[in-house]
């Protein structure tokens, strides 16, 4: 019995450490970092009860105990042109403009799941919830607050340069007309796609394939098949590990879809 206990204790310690780590959020800027637990967040007097009328994950009204994003970012070395990189426990990563997080009109909040009061399971995800930390928006304006900005199961956030500055190869030429749809397409790629798909190595996404290596999708998809794939990937090809969502018009308008294709086409012709 003593031998068994000695064998089990290290395993139990690892499991408990994993639980503790999952219930804390690492917050970093260019000067340093700190870790805050869910309990510490919930004890913050700035935490409030907020109701999200149309929660992007649940598809219905939800109420949370949450910390305003402005309070979450208080004390960090951050400029309006910076981005904040949010990373989840499953390695999903999305950069969000600091100006949106700090915009009082958008009302961004960090929702905190209490261990004693777990949230409902995400529809279609078994018993998985968005906890312990979930970025929610009380006024998600269409075309500005990307569906990818509803980041959940968060493990860390870090102040960074914008994707345009971090990965200059993503950008279009300065002499490209301001009205060219590739410019808008790049913005929509950064808002909707870069969280899962790198482009020629640029980005941090690991959930899906690189959109330039070994080939750009505009070079192997028939145009209409590609549009159909963006609207509903499983309608074109499906496989057990498929994670790509369907981009309905409320998330990606027809004009924005054409702009993304224009940017991909522009980049394909550069090589």
Protein backbone atom coordinates (compact mmCIF):
# COMPACT_ATOMS: atom_id res chain seq x y z
CA UNK A 1 0.00 0.00 0.00
CA UNK A 2 2.84 2.37 0.87
CA UNK A 3 4.56 1.59 -2.43
CA UNK A 4 1.32 2.19 -4.33
CA UNK A 5 0.81 5.48 -2.55
CA UNK A 6 4.34 6.60 -3.45
CA UNK A 7 3.61 5.78 -7.09
CA UNK A 8 0.27 7.59 -7.13
CA UNK A 9 1.29 10.77 -5.32
CA UNK A 10 3.52 12.14 -8.14
CA UNK A 11 0.77 11.37 -10.67
CA UNK A 12 -1.81 13.14 -8.50
CA UNK A 13 0.52 16.12 -8.10
CA UNK A 14 0.87 16.43 -11.88
CA UNK A 15 -2.88 16.23 -12.37
CA UNK A 16 -3.54 18.85 -9.70
CA UNK A 17 -0.87 21.12 -11.20
CA UNK A 18 -2.58 20.81 -14.56
CA UNK A 19 -5.92 21.81 -13.05
CA UNK A 20 -4.33 24.78 -11.30
CA UNK A 21 -2.63 25.88 -14.49
CA UNK A 22 -5.87 25.61 -16.43
CA UNK A 23 -7.59 27.89 -13.89
CA UNK A 24 -5.07 30.71 -14.28
CA UNK A 25 -4.36 33.27 -16.98
CA UNK A 26 -0.89 34.50 -17.92
CA UNK A 27 -0.86 38.23 -18.75
CA UNK A 28 2.21 39.69 -20.47
CA UNK A 29 3.47 42.81 -22.17
CA UNK A 30 6.91 43.71 -23.49
CA UNK A 31 8.16 44.44 -19.98
CA UNK A 32 7.13 41.34 -18.06
CA UNK A 33 4.35 38.95 -17.14
CA UNK A 34 2.17 37.82 -14.27
CA UNK A 35 -0.32 35.04 -13.62
CA UNK A 36 -3.80 35.58 -12.19
CA UNK A 37 -6.07 32.80 -10.97
CA UNK A 38 -9.81 32.61 -11.54
CA UNK A 39 -10.35 33.11 -7.81
CA UNK A 40 -8.24 36.28 -7.82
CA UNK A 41 -10.19 37.63 -10.78
CA UNK A 42 -13.54 36.90 -9.13
CA UNK A 43 -12.39 38.74 -5.99
CA UNK A 44 -11.61 41.89 -8.01
CA UNK A 45 -14.13 44.64 -7.15
CA UNK A 46 -14.25 45.60 -10.84
CA UNK A 47 -15.88 42.26 -11.73
CA UNK A 48 -19.54 42.65 -12.59
CA UNK A 49 -22.50 40.64 -13.80
CA UNK A 50 -22.99 41.11 -17.54
CA UNK A 51 -25.59 39.74 -19.92
CA UNK A 52 -24.65 39.03 -23.53
CA UNK A 53 -27.81 39.19 -25.62
CA UNK A 54 -26.52 37.05 -28.50
CA UNK A 55 -23.59 34.99 -27.31
CA UNK A 56 -21.52 33.88 -30.33
CA UNK A 57 -20.63 30.50 -28.82
CA UNK A 58 -23.97 29.53 -27.30
CA UNK A 59 -26.18 31.28 -29.83
CA UNK A 60 -28.44 32.68 -27.11
CA UNK A 61 -28.48 35.09 -24.19
CA UNK A 62 -25.91 34.32 -21.48
CA UNK A 63 -25.01 35.96 -18.16
CA UNK A 64 -21.48 35.93 -16.73
CA UNK A 65 -19.33 37.28 -13.95
CA UNK A 66 -16.85 39.28 -15.98
CA UNK A 67 -14.06 41.85 -15.85
CA UNK A 68 -14.13 44.77 -18.33
CA UNK A 69 -11.29 44.51 -20.84
CA UNK A 70 -10.11 47.99 -19.90
CA UNK A 71 -9.59 46.75 -16.33
CA UNK A 72 -7.96 43.55 -17.57
CA UNK A 73 -5.39 45.54 -19.54
CA UNK A 74 -4.87 48.26 -16.93
CA UNK A 75 -1.22 48.70 -16.01
CA UNK A 76 0.11 47.04 -19.16
CA UNK A 77 2.43 48.87 -21.53
CA UNK A 78 0.04 49.04 -24.45
CA UNK A 79 -0.57 51.51 -27.30
CA UNK A 80 -3.72 51.89 -29.43
CA UNK A 81 -1.92 50.48 -32.48
CA UNK A 82 -0.87 47.34 -30.58
CA UNK A 83 -2.63 44.01 -30.69
CA UNK A 84 -3.29 41.58 -27.84
CA UNK A 85 -2.58 37.95 -28.66
CA UNK A 86 -5.03 35.63 -26.91
CA UNK A 87 -3.99 31.96 -26.75
CA UNK A 88 -6.23 29.08 -25.69
CA UNK A 89 -5.35 25.82 -23.97
CA UNK A 90 -5.73 24.01 -27.33
CA UNK A 91 -3.18 26.42 -28.94
CA UNK A 92 -5.82 28.44 -30.81
CA UNK A 93 -4.35 31.96 -31.03
CA UNK A 94 -5.85 35.23 -32.23
CA UNK A 95 -4.52 38.79 -32.22
CA UNK A 96 -7.14 41.43 -31.41
CA UNK A 97 -6.60 45.18 -31.93
CA UNK A 98 -6.11 46.92 -28.60
CA UNK A 99 -8.28 49.78 -29.81
CA UNK A 100 -11.27 47.41 -30.01
CA UNK A 101 -10.65 45.93 -26.57
CA UNK A 102 -10.45 49.42 -25.10
CA UNK A 103 -13.38 50.84 -27.11
CA UNK A 104 -16.24 51.53 -24.67
CA UNK A 105 -18.76 51.03 -27.48
CA UNK A 106 -17.72 47.40 -28.00
CA UNK A 107 -17.94 46.50 -24.31
CA UNK A 108 -15.39 43.67 -24.26
CA UNK A 109 -15.25 41.56 -21.10
CA UNK A 110 -13.24 38.65 -19.75
CA UNK A 111 -15.85 36.21 -18.46
CA UNK A 112 -14.61 34.05 -15.57
CA UNK A 113 -16.02 30.60 -14.87
CA UNK A 114 -16.34 29.80 -11.16
CA UNK A 115 -15.29 26.26 -10.30
CA UNK A 116 -18.44 25.82 -8.22
CA UNK A 117 -20.74 27.09 -10.98
CA UNK A 118 -19.56 25.68 -14.34
CA UNK A 119 -21.06 27.08 -17.52
CA UNK A 120 -23.21 24.94 -19.82
CA UNK A 121 -21.42 22.78 -22.37
CA UNK A 122 -20.73 24.31 -25.77
CA UNK A 123 -23.36 23.03 -28.24
CA UNK A 124 -21.90 20.15 -30.24
CA UNK A 125 -18.75 19.91 -28.07
CA UNK A 126 -19.70 17.18 -25.61
CA UNK A 127 -19.07 18.34 -22.04
CA UNK A 128 -16.61 21.09 -23.01
CA UNK A 129 -17.34 24.60 -21.72
CA UNK A 130 -15.66 27.88 -22.80
CA UNK A 131 -14.08 28.17 -19.34
CA UNK A 132 -12.25 29.07 -17.36
CA UNK A 133 -11.78 32.34 -19.29
CA UNK A 134 -13.85 33.54 -22.24
CA UNK A 135 -13.62 36.85 -24.10
CA UNK A 136 -17.16 38.13 -24.74
CA UNK A 137 -18.54 41.24 -26.42
CA UNK A 138 -21.68 43.03 -25.31
CA UNK A 139 -21.91 45.08 -28.51
CA UNK A 140 -20.32 43.03 -31.28
CA UNK A 141 -20.70 45.20 -34.34
CA UNK A 142 -20.97 43.27 -37.60
CA UNK A 143 -17.90 43.60 -39.79
CA UNK A 144 -15.73 44.89 -36.93
CA UNK A 145 -15.84 42.28 -34.16
CA UNK A 146 -14.73 39.06 -35.84
CA UNK A 147 -16.33 35.79 -34.76
CA UNK A 148 -12.77 34.68 -33.96
CA UNK A 149 -12.56 37.42 -31.34
CA UNK A 150 -14.89 35.41 -29.11
CA UNK A 151 -11.88 33.51 -27.80
CA UNK A 152 -12.49 30.89 -25.13
CA UNK A 153 -10.63 28.36 -22.95
CA UNK A 154 -8.00 31.07 -22.64
CA UNK A 155 -4.58 30.35 -21.13
CA UNK A 156 -2.72 33.60 -21.83
CA UNK A 157 -2.76 37.05 -23.36
CA UNK A 158 0.22 39.07 -24.54
CA UNK A 159 0.64 42.60 -25.90
CA UNK A 160 2.28 42.44 -29.33
CA UNK A 161 2.84 44.44 -32.51
CA UNK A 162 0.14 44.22 -35.15
CA UNK A 163 0.24 41.24 -37.54
CA UNK A 164 1.05 43.70 -40.35
CA UNK A 165 4.19 44.77 -38.49
CA UNK A 166 5.14 41.33 -37.17
CA UNK A 167 4.83 39.67 -40.59
CA UNK A 168 5.46 42.26 -43.34
CA UNK A 169 5.26 39.55 -46.01
CA UNK A 170 1.49 39.52 -45.54
CA UNK A 171 1.14 43.09 -46.75
CA UNK A 172 0.28 44.32 -50.22
CA UNK A 173 2.46 46.77 -52.15
CA UNK A 174 2.22 50.45 -51.24
CA UNK A 175 1.34 51.33 -54.82
CA UNK A 176 -1.68 49.01 -54.91
CA UNK A 177 -4.75 51.24 -55.35
CA UNK A 178 -6.55 52.00 -52.11
CA UNK A 179 -9.76 50.63 -53.63
CA UNK A 180 -8.25 47.27 -54.57
CA UNK A 181 -10.20 44.47 -52.80
CA UNK A 182 -6.96 42.71 -51.81
CA UNK A 183 -6.46 45.39 -49.13
CA UNK A 184 -9.79 44.54 -47.52
CA UNK A 185 -9.06 40.85 -48.07
CA UNK A 186 -5.88 41.09 -46.01
CA UNK A 187 -7.80 42.72 -43.17
CA UNK A 188 -10.40 39.93 -43.22
CA UNK A 189 -7.69 37.26 -43.35
CA UNK A 190 -6.12 38.80 -40.23
CA UNK A 191 -9.51 38.97 -38.48
CA UNK A 192 -10.91 35.58 -39.48
CA UNK A 193 -8.23 33.23 -40.83
CA UNK A 194 -4.82 33.87 -39.29
CA UNK A 195 -5.88 32.32 -35.98
CA UNK A 196 -5.85 28.90 -37.69
CA UNK A 197 -3.93 29.37 -40.96
CA UNK A 198 -0.45 30.75 -41.43
CA UNK A 199 0.49 32.21 -44.78
CA UNK A 200 3.89 31.20 -46.08
CA UNK A 201 5.01 30.72 -42.47
CA UNK A 202 3.65 34.08 -41.27
CA UNK A 203 1.34 33.89 -38.27
CA UNK A 204 0.99 31.62 -35.26
CA UNK A 205 -2.01 29.51 -36.29
CA UNK A 206 -1.60 25.76 -35.88
CA UNK A 207 -5.17 24.49 -36.27
CA UNK A 208 -5.20 24.39 -40.08
CA UNK A 209 -2.78 24.19 -43.02
CA UNK A 210 -0.59 27.02 -44.26
CA UNK A 211 -2.45 28.85 -47.05
CA UNK A 212 0.65 29.27 -49.20
CA UNK A 213 2.61 26.07 -48.60
CA UNK A 214 2.96 24.12 -50.75
CA UNK A 215 0.23 25.79 -52.83
CA UNK A 216 -2.16 28.71 -52.54
CA UNK A 217 -5.81 27.48 -52.49
CA UNK A 218 -6.68 29.65 -55.51
CA UNK A 219 -4.23 27.50 -57.50
CA UNK A 220 -5.93 24.17 -56.77
CA UNK A 221 -9.59 25.03 -56.09
CA UNK A 222 -12.08 25.66 -58.86
CA UNK A 223 -13.41 29.21 -58.13
CA UNK A 224 -16.98 28.18 -57.30
CA UNK A 225 -15.82 25.18 -55.27
CA UNK A 226 -13.61 27.49 -53.21
CA UNK A 227 -16.51 29.84 -52.51
CA UNK A 228 -18.66 26.88 -51.49
CA UNK A 229 -15.83 25.58 -49.29
CA UNK A 230 -15.59 28.91 -47.45
CA UNK A 231 -19.33 28.96 -46.86
CA UNK A 232 -19.47 25.33 -45.68
CA UNK A 233 -16.24 23.34 -45.75
CA UNK A 234 -17.97 20.02 -45.04
CA UNK A 235 -20.14 20.45 -48.14
CA UNK A 236 -17.00 20.16 -50.29
CA UNK A 237 -14.87 17.75 -48.29
CA UNK A 238 -15.18 16.33 -44.80
CA UNK A 239 -12.95 14.28 -42.54
CA UNK A 240 -12.98 13.29 -38.84
CA UNK A 241 -10.43 15.92 -37.76
CA UNK A 242 -12.04 18.80 -39.68
CA UNK A 243 -12.24 21.93 -37.52
CA UNK A 244 -12.94 24.62 -40.09
CA UNK A 245 -16.25 26.37 -39.36
CA UNK A 246 -18.80 27.52 -41.88
CA UNK A 247 -18.54 31.24 -42.63
CA UNK A 248 -22.14 32.32 -43.01
CA UNK A 249 -22.91 35.73 -44.49
CA UNK A 250 -23.34 37.33 -41.06
CA UNK A 251 -19.69 36.45 -40.39
CA UNK A 252 -18.20 36.78 -43.88
CA UNK A 253 -20.25 38.81 -46.37
CA UNK A 254 -20.11 38.03 -50.08
CA UNK A 255 -18.06 41.18 -50.66
CA UNK A 256 -15.60 40.22 -47.92
CA UNK A 257 -15.32 36.67 -49.25
CA UNK A 258 -14.45 38.05 -52.67
CA UNK A 259 -11.91 40.35 -51.02
CA UNK A 260 -10.19 37.42 -49.26
CA UNK A 261 -10.03 35.56 -52.57
CA UNK A 262 -8.62 38.72 -54.21
CA UNK A 263 -5.87 38.91 -51.57
CA UNK A 264 -5.00 35.22 -51.94
CA UNK A 265 -4.91 35.65 -55.72
CA UNK A 266 -2.73 38.74 -55.42
CA UNK A 267 -0.26 36.88 -53.17
CA UNK A 268 -0.27 33.84 -55.46
CA UNK A 269 0.75 35.98 -58.42
CA UNK A 270 3.66 37.48 -56.47
CA UNK A 271 5.55 34.18 -56.50
